[in-house]
Amino acid sequence: MGSKGLMPTFAAQNTMWNKILSYLYLRKSQPAEQRPGFNLRMMHGINRISLFIFLFAIIVLLLRWLF
Protein backbone atom coordinates (compact mmCIF):
# COMPACT_ATOMS: atom_id res chain seq x y z
CA MET A 1 0.00 0.00 0.00
CA GLY A 2 1.36 3.43 -0.93
CA SER A 3 1.50 6.57 1.13
CA LYS A 4 -1.46 8.16 -0.70
CA GLY A 5 -3.87 7.45 2.15
CA LEU A 6 -1.51 8.60 4.89
CA MET A 7 -0.61 12.13 3.84
CA PRO A 8 -2.89 14.61 2.14
CA THR A 9 -1.70 15.99 -1.15
CA PHE A 10 -0.44 19.56 -1.51
CA ALA A 11 -3.69 20.54 -3.25
CA ALA A 12 -5.75 19.25 -0.31
CA GLN A 13 -3.53 21.09 2.19
CA ASN A 14 -3.77 24.26 0.10
CA THR A 15 -7.57 23.98 0.09
CA MET A 16 -7.61 23.53 3.87
CA TRP A 17 -5.55 26.70 4.41
CA ASN A 18 -7.76 28.60 1.96
CA LYS A 19 -10.84 27.64 3.99
CA ILE A 20 -9.18 28.68 7.25
CA LEU A 21 -8.03 32.01 5.82
CA SER A 22 -11.43 32.70 4.29
CA TYR A 23 -13.12 31.95 7.64
CA LEU A 24 -10.80 34.36 9.43
CA TYR A 25 -11.48 36.93 6.68
CA LEU A 26 -7.81 37.18 5.88
CA ARG A 27 -8.96 36.31 2.41
CA LYS A 28 -12.41 37.21 1.06
CA SER A 29 -14.38 34.28 -0.32
CA GLN A 30 -17.58 36.04 -1.45
CA PRO A 31 -18.29 39.13 -3.49
CA ALA A 32 -19.76 42.07 -1.58
CA GLU A 33 -23.27 41.62 -3.01
CA GLN A 34 -23.48 38.00 -1.73
CA ARG A 35 -22.40 38.67 1.87
CA PRO A 36 -24.59 37.33 4.68
CA GLY A 37 -26.73 39.54 6.89
CA PHE A 38 -25.66 41.58 9.89
CA ASN A 39 -26.58 38.96 12.54
CA LEU A 40 -24.63 36.20 10.83
CA ARG A 41 -21.58 38.45 10.39
CA MET A 42 -21.69 39.38 14.09
CA MET A 43 -21.96 35.71 15.08
CA HIS A 44 -18.91 34.87 12.96
CA GLY A 45 -17.06 37.85 14.44
CA ILE A 46 -17.73 36.66 17.99
CA ASN A 47 -16.65 33.13 17.03
CA ARG A 48 -13.47 34.55 15.52
CA ILE A 49 -12.69 36.51 18.71
CA SER A 50 -13.25 33.44 20.89
CA LEU A 51 -11.02 31.36 18.60
CA PHE A 52 -8.19 33.91 18.89
CA ILE A 53 -8.57 34.05 22.69
CA PHE A 54 -8.51 30.26 22.88
CA LEU A 55 -5.37 30.03 20.72
CA PHE A 56 -3.71 32.76 22.78
CA ALA A 57 -4.52 30.85 26.00
CA ILE A 58 -3.11 27.61 24.55
CA ILE A 59 0.11 29.42 23.58
CA VAL A 60 0.39 30.95 27.08
CA LEU A 61 -0.15 27.53 28.70
CA LEU A 62 2.46 25.94 26.45
CA LEU A 63 4.97 28.69 27.24
CA ARG A 64 4.35 28.33 30.98
CA TRP A 65 4.76 24.56 30.71
CA LEU A 66 7.98 24.81 28.69
CA PHE A 67 9.63 27.60 30.70
PDB file of N, CA and C in Angstrom:
ATOM      1  N   MET A   1       0.843  -1.179   0.000  1.00  0.00           N
ATOM      2  CA  MET A   1       0.000   0.000   0.000  1.00  0.00           C
ATOM      3  C   MET A   1       0.886   1.238   0.000  1.00  0.00           C
ATOM      4  N   GLY A   2       0.562   2.205  -0.815  1.00  0.00           N
ATOM      5  CA  GLY A   2       1.360   3.428  -0.928  1.00  0.00           C
ATOM      6  C   GLY A   2       1.035   4.416   0.176  1.00  0.00           C
ATOM      7  N   SER A   3       1.690   5.542   0.104  1.00  0.00           N
ATOM      8  CA  SER A   3       1.496   6.571   1.134  1.00  0.00           C
ATOM      9  C   SER A   3       0.388   7.550   0.762  1.00  0.00           C
ATOM     10  N   LYS A   4      -0.402   7.232  -0.266  1.00  0.00           N
ATOM     11  CA  LYS A   4      -1.463   8.161  -0.695  1.00  0.00           C
ATOM     12  C   LYS A   4      -2.503   8.378   0.391  1.00  0.00           C
ATOM     13  N   GLY A   5      -2.839   7.328   1.125  1.00  0.00           N
ATOM     14  CA  GLY A   5      -3.868   7.450   2.145  1.00  0.00           C
ATOM     15  C   GLY A   5      -3.367   8.086   3.429  1.00  0.00           C
ATOM     16  N   LEU A   6      -2.058   8.115   3.635  1.00  0.00           N
ATOM     17  CA  LEU A   6      -1.509   8.604   4.894  1.00  0.00           C
ATOM     18  C   LEU A   6      -1.336  10.110   4.930  1.00  0.00           C
ATOM     19  N   MET A   7      -0.869  10.684   3.849  1.00  0.00           N
ATOM     20  CA  MET A   7      -0.608  12.127   3.844  1.00  0.00           C
ATOM     21  C   MET A   7      -1.467  12.801   2.781  1.00  0.00           C
ATOM     22  N   PRO A   8      -2.114  13.896   3.153  1.00  0.00           N
ATOM     23  CA  PRO A   8      -2.895  14.614   2.139  1.00  0.00           C
ATOM     24  C   PRO A   8      -1.978  15.243   1.101  1.00  0.00           C
ATOM     25  N   THR A   9      -2.489  15.394  -0.078  1.00  0.00           N
ATOM     26  CA  THR A   9      -1.703  15.993  -1.145  1.00  0.00           C
ATOM     27  C   THR A   9      -1.551  17.487  -0.905  1.00  0.00           C
ATOM     28  N   PHE A  10      -0.651  18.112  -1.641  1.00  0.00           N
ATOM     29  CA  PHE A  10      -0.441  19.560  -1.506  1.00  0.00           C
ATOM     30  C   PHE A  10      -1.714  20.315  -1.843  1.00  0.00           C
ATOM     31  N   ALA A  11      -2.452  19.854  -2.858  1.00  0.00           N
ATOM     32  CA  ALA A  11      -3.687  20.539  -3.250  1.00  0.00           C
ATOM     33  C   ALA A  11      -4.707  20.496  -2.113  1.00  0.00           C
ATOM     34  N   ALA A  12      -4.808  19.360  -1.419  1.00  0.00           N
ATOM     35  CA  ALA A  12      -5.750  19.251  -0.309  1.00  0.00           C
ATOM     36  C   ALA A  12      -5.318  20.141   0.844  1.00  0.00           C
ATOM     37  N   GLN A  13      -4.016  20.218   1.123  1.00  0.00           N
ATOM     38  CA  GLN A  13      -3.527  21.090   2.186  1.00  0.00           C
ATOM     39  C   GLN A  13      -3.770  22.547   1.817  1.00  0.00           C
ATOM     40  N   ASN A  14      -3.547  22.893   0.562  1.00  0.00           N
ATOM     41  CA  ASN A  14      -3.765  24.256   0.101  1.00  0.00           C
ATOM     42  C   ASN A  14      -5.240  24.638   0.264  1.00  0.00           C
ATOM     43  N   THR A  15      -6.137  23.736  -0.050  1.00  0.00           N
ATOM     44  CA  THR A  15      -7.569  23.983   0.086  1.00  0.00           C
ATOM     45  C   THR A  15      -7.927  24.195   1.557  1.00  0.00           C
ATOM     46  N   MET A  16      -7.334  23.393   2.444  1.00  0.00           N
ATOM     47  CA  MET A  16      -7.607  23.527   3.874  1.00  0.00           C
ATOM     48  C   MET A  16      -7.191  24.915   4.366  1.00  0.00           C
ATOM     49  N   TRP A  17      -6.003  25.380   3.991  1.00  0.00           N
ATOM     50  CA  TRP A  17      -5.547  26.705   4.408  1.00  0.00           C
ATOM     51  C   TRP A  17      -6.413  27.800   3.809  1.00  0.00           C
ATOM     52  N   ASN A  18      -6.869  27.609   2.575  1.00  0.00           N
ATOM     53  CA  ASN A  18      -7.759  28.600   1.959  1.00  0.00           C
ATOM     54  C   ASN A  18      -9.053  28.723   2.742  1.00  0.00           C
ATOM     55  N   LYS A  19      -9.600  27.602   3.208  1.00  0.00           N
ATOM     56  CA  LYS A  19     -10.835  27.635   3.990  1.00  0.00           C
ATOM     57  C   LYS A  19     -10.614  28.329   5.326  1.00  0.00           C
ATOM     58  N   ILE A  20      -9.474  28.039   5.975  1.00  0.00           N
ATOM     59  CA  ILE A  20      -9.177  28.681   7.254  1.00  0.00           C
ATOM     60  C   ILE A  20      -9.010  30.184   7.071  1.00  0.00           C
ATOM     61  N   LEU A  21      -8.250  30.581   6.058  1.00  0.00           N
ATOM     62  CA  LEU A  21      -8.030  32.014   5.818  1.00  0.00           C
ATOM     63  C   LEU A  21      -9.318  32.721   5.432  1.00  0.00           C
ATOM     64  N   SER A  22     -10.176  32.056   4.656  1.00  0.00           N
ATOM     65  CA  SER A  22     -11.432  32.698   4.286  1.00  0.00           C
ATOM     66  C   SER A  22     -12.353  32.817   5.497  1.00  0.00           C
ATOM     67  N   TYR A  23     -12.298  31.842   6.438  1.00  0.00           N
ATOM     68  CA  TYR A  23     -13.119  31.955   7.645  1.00  0.00           C
ATOM     69  C   TYR A  23     -12.645  33.110   8.516  1.00  0.00           C
ATOM     70  N   LEU A  24     -11.347  33.291   8.611  1.00  0.00           N
ATOM     71  CA  LEU A  24     -10.803  34.360   9.434  1.00  0.00           C
ATOM     72  C   LEU A  24     -10.834  35.709   8.718  1.00  0.00           C
ATOM     73  N   TYR A  25     -11.382  35.729   7.506  1.00  0.00           N
ATOM     74  CA  TYR A  25     -11.479  36.930   6.677  1.00  0.00           C
ATOM     75  C   TYR A  25     -10.123  37.525   6.338  1.00  0.00           C
ATOM     76  N   LEU A  26      -9.092  36.711   6.374  1.00  0.00           N
ATOM     77  CA  LEU A  26      -7.812  37.180   5.883  1.00  0.00           C
ATOM     78  C   LEU A  26      -7.818  37.122   4.362  1.00  0.00           C
ATOM     79  N   ARG A  27      -8.773  36.401   3.853  1.00  0.00           N
ATOM     80  CA  ARG A  27      -8.964  36.305   2.409  1.00  0.00           C
ATOM     81  C   ARG A  27     -10.464  36.273   2.142  1.00  0.00           C
ATOM     82  N   LYS A  28     -10.968  37.151   1.332  1.00  0.00           N
ATOM     83  CA  LYS A  28     -12.407  37.205   1.057  1.00  0.00           C
ATOM     84  C   LYS A  28     -12.803  36.057   0.144  1.00  0.00           C
ATOM     85  N   SER A  29     -13.918  35.405   0.489  1.00  0.00           N
ATOM     86  CA  SER A  29     -14.378  34.282  -0.318  1.00  0.00           C
ATOM     87  C   SER A  29     -15.637  34.606  -1.114  1.00  0.00           C
ATOM     88  N   GLN A  30     -16.334  35.693  -0.775  1.00  0.00           N
ATOM     89  CA  GLN A  30     -17.575  36.037  -1.451  1.00  0.00           C
ATOM     90  C   GLN A  30     -17.532  37.482  -1.922  1.00  0.00           C
ATOM     91  N   PRO A  31     -18.159  37.734  -3.052  1.00  0.00           N
ATOM     92  CA  PRO A  31     -18.292  39.133  -3.490  1.00  0.00           C
ATOM     93  C   PRO A  31     -19.179  39.919  -2.516  1.00  0.00           C
ATOM     94  N   ALA A  32     -19.044  41.214  -2.536  1.00  0.00           N
ATOM     95  CA  ALA A  32     -19.758  42.068  -1.582  1.00  0.00           C
ATOM     96  C   ALA A  32     -21.280  41.919  -1.686  1.00  0.00           C
ATOM     97  N   GLU A  33     -21.811  41.700  -2.871  1.00  0.00           N
ATOM     98  CA  GLU A  33     -23.271  41.620  -3.007  1.00  0.00           C
ATOM     99  C   GLU A  33     -23.840  40.300  -2.497  1.00  0.00           C
ATOM    100  N   GLN A  34     -22.999  39.296  -2.220  1.00  0.00           N
ATOM    101  CA  GLN A  34     -23.479  38.001  -1.730  1.00  0.00           C
ATOM    102  C   GLN A  34     -23.157  37.790  -0.253  1.00  0.00           C
ATOM    103  N   ARG A  35     -22.755  38.817   0.461  1.00  0.00           N
ATOM    104  CA  ARG A  35     -22.400  38.672   1.868  1.00  0.00           C
ATOM    105  C   ARG A  35     -23.637  38.375   2.704  1.00  0.00           C
ATOM    106  N   PRO A  36     -23.449  37.627   3.803  1.00  0.00           N
ATOM    107  CA  PRO A  36     -24.586  37.333   4.684  1.00  0.00           C
ATOM    108  C   PRO A  36     -25.036  38.566   5.455  1.00  0.00           C
ATOM    109  N   GLY A  37     -26.147  38.427   6.146  1.00  0.00           N
ATOM    110  CA  GLY A  37     -26.725  39.544   6.888  1.00  0.00           C
ATOM    111  C   GLY A  37     -25.912  39.935   8.109  1.00  0.00           C
ATOM    112  N   PHE A  38     -26.365  41.004   8.751  1.00  0.00           N
ATOM    113  CA  PHE A  38     -25.660  41.583   9.894  1.00  0.00           C
ATOM    114  C   PHE A  38     -25.521  40.583  11.041  1.00  0.00           C
ATOM    115  N   ASN A  39     -26.606  39.889  11.402  1.00  0.00           N
ATOM    116  CA  ASN A  39     -26.576  38.963  12.536  1.00  0.00           C
ATOM    117  C   ASN A  39     -25.575  37.835  12.313  1.00  0.00           C
ATOM    118  N   LEU A  40     -25.549  37.288  11.123  1.00  0.00           N
ATOM    119  CA  LEU A  40     -24.625  36.200  10.826  1.00  0.00           C
ATOM    120  C   LEU A  40     -23.178  36.683  10.851  1.00  0.00           C
ATOM    121  N   ARG A  41     -22.943  37.888  10.349  1.00  0.00           N
ATOM    122  CA  ARG A  41     -21.581  38.449  10.392  1.00  0.00           C
ATOM    123  C   ARG A  41     -21.130  38.689  11.826  1.00  0.00           C
ATOM    124  N   MET A  42     -22.034  39.170  12.684  1.00  0.00           N
ATOM    125  CA  MET A  42     -21.686  39.380  14.092  1.00  0.00           C
ATOM    126  C   MET A  42     -21.404  38.046  14.787  1.00  0.00           C
ATOM    127  N   MET A  43     -22.189  37.020  14.482  1.00  0.00           N
ATOM    128  CA  MET A  43     -21.963  35.707  15.076  1.00  0.00           C
ATOM    129  C   MET A  43     -20.583  35.183  14.678  1.00  0.00           C
ATOM    130  N   HIS A  44     -20.230  35.313  13.407  1.00  0.00           N
ATOM    131  CA  HIS A  44     -18.912  34.873  12.959  1.00  0.00           C
ATOM    132  C   HIS A  44     -17.802  35.709  13.590  1.00  0.00           C
ATOM    133  N   GLY A  45     -18.053  36.992  13.785  1.00  0.00           N
ATOM    134  CA  GLY A  45     -17.063  37.846  14.438  1.00  0.00           C
ATOM    135  C   GLY A  45     -16.810  37.427  15.873  1.00  0.00           C
ATOM    136  N   ILE A  46     -17.874  37.113  16.610  1.00  0.00           N
ATOM    137  CA  ILE A  46     -17.726  36.663  17.989  1.00  0.00           C
ATOM    138  C   ILE A  46     -17.013  35.317  18.032  1.00  0.00           C
ATOM    139  N   ASN A  47     -17.351  34.419  17.110  1.00  0.00           N
ATOM    140  CA  ASN A  47     -16.653  33.130  17.034  1.00  0.00           C
ATOM    141  C   ASN A  47     -15.172  33.331  16.748  1.00  0.00           C
ATOM    142  N   ARG A  48     -14.864  34.267  15.881  1.00  0.00           N
ATOM    143  CA  ARG A  48     -13.468  34.553  15.524  1.00  0.00           C
ATOM    144  C   ARG A  48     -12.700  35.071  16.738  1.00  0.00           C
ATOM    145  N   ILE A  49     -13.329  35.968  17.510  1.00  0.00           N
ATOM    146  CA  ILE A  49     -12.693  36.506  18.714  1.00  0.00           C
ATOM    147  C   ILE A  49     -12.437  35.386  19.717  1.00  0.00           C
ATOM    148  N   SER A  50     -13.427  34.532  19.930  1.00  0.00           N
ATOM    149  CA  SER A  50     -13.249  33.439  20.893  1.00  0.00           C
ATOM    150  C   SER A  50     -12.183  32.459  20.425  1.00  0.00           C
ATOM    151  N   LEU A  51     -12.069  32.235  19.133  1.00  0.00           N
ATOM    152  CA  LEU A  51     -11.021  31.361  18.602  1.00  0.00           C
ATOM    153  C   LEU A  51      -9.639  31.952  18.861  1.00  0.00           C
ATOM    154  N   PHE A  52      -9.472  33.261  18.636  1.00  0.00           N
ATOM    155  CA  PHE A  52      -8.189  33.906  18.890  1.00  0.00           C
ATOM    156  C   PHE A  52      -7.834  33.889  20.382  1.00  0.00           C
ATOM    157  N   ILE A  53      -8.819  34.101  21.250  1.00  0.00           N
ATOM    158  CA  ILE A  53      -8.569  34.055  22.688  1.00  0.00           C
ATOM    159  C   ILE A  53      -8.168  32.648  23.103  1.00  0.00           C
ATOM    160  N   PHE A  54      -8.842  31.649  22.568  1.00  0.00           N
ATOM    161  CA  PHE A  54      -8.512  30.257  22.875  1.00  0.00           C
ATOM    162  C   PHE A  54      -7.088  29.927  22.427  1.00  0.00           C
ATOM    163  N   LEU A  55      -6.730  30.310  21.206  1.00  0.00           N
ATOM    164  CA  LEU A  55      -5.373  30.032  20.716  1.00  0.00           C
ATOM    165  C   LEU A  55      -4.328  30.776  21.542  1.00  0.00           C
ATOM    166  N   PHE A  56      -4.621  32.002  21.929  1.00  0.00           N
ATOM    167  CA  PHE A  56      -3.712  32.762  22.779  1.00  0.00           C
ATOM    168  C   PHE A  56      -3.514  32.053  24.116  1.00  0.00           C
ATOM    169  N   ALA A  57      -4.603  31.556  24.718  1.00  0.00           N
ATOM    170  CA  ALA A  57      -4.517  30.853  25.995  1.00  0.00           C
ATOM    171  C   ALA A  57      -3.712  29.560  25.862  1.00  0.00           C
ATOM    172  N   ILE A  58      -3.887  28.837  24.772  1.00  0.00           N
ATOM    173  CA  ILE A  58      -3.111  27.613  24.546  1.00  0.00           C
ATOM    174  C   ILE A  58      -1.624  27.949  24.430  1.00  0.00           C
ATOM    175  N   ILE A  59      -1.295  29.025  23.726  1.00  0.00           N
ATOM    176  CA  ILE A  59       0.111  29.424  23.582  1.00  0.00           C
ATOM    177  C   ILE A  59       0.688  29.813  24.940  1.00  0.00           C
ATOM    178  N   VAL A  60      -0.078  30.560  25.747  1.00  0.00           N
ATOM    179  CA  VAL A  60       0.393  30.948  27.082  1.00  0.00           C
ATOM    180  C   VAL A  60       0.614  29.713  27.944  1.00  0.00           C
ATOM    181  N   LEU A  61      -0.313  28.755  27.914  1.00  0.00           N
ATOM    182  CA  LEU A  61      -0.154  27.534  28.699  1.00  0.00           C
ATOM    183  C   LEU A  61       1.082  26.735  28.247  1.00  0.00           C
ATOM    184  N   LEU A  62       1.289  26.652  26.955  1.00  0.00           N
ATOM    185  CA  LEU A  62       2.462  25.942  26.450  1.00  0.00           C
ATOM    186  C   LEU A  62       3.756  26.638  26.877  1.00  0.00           C
ATOM    187  N   LEU A  63       3.781  27.954  26.823  1.00  0.00           N
ATOM    188  CA  LEU A  63       4.973  28.695  27.239  1.00  0.00           C
ATOM    189  C   LEU A  63       5.228  28.522  28.737  1.00  0.00           C
ATOM    190  N   ARG A  64       4.181  28.530  29.544  1.00  0.00           N
ATOM    191  CA  ARG A  64       4.348  28.327  30.981  1.00  0.00           C
ATOM    192  C   ARG A  64       4.847  26.911  31.273  1.00  0.00           C
ATOM    193  N   TRP A  65       4.359  25.944  30.506  1.00  0.00           N
ATOM    194  CA  TRP A  65       4.759  24.555  30.712  1.00  0.00           C
ATOM    195  C   TRP A  65       6.206  24.331  30.279  1.00  0.00           C
ATOM    196  N   LEU A  66       6.619  24.991  29.190  1.00  0.00           N
ATOM    197  CA  LEU A  66       7.976  24.815  28.688  1.00  0.00           C
ATOM    198  C   LEU A  66       8.996  25.583  29.500  1.00  0.00           C
ATOM    199  N   PHE A  67       8.657  26.769  29.996  1.00  0.00           N
ATOM    200  CA  PHE A  67       9.626  27.603  30.697  1.00  0.00           C
ATOM    201  C   PHE A  67       9.201  27.706  32.113  1.00  0.00           C
TER     202      PHE A  67
END
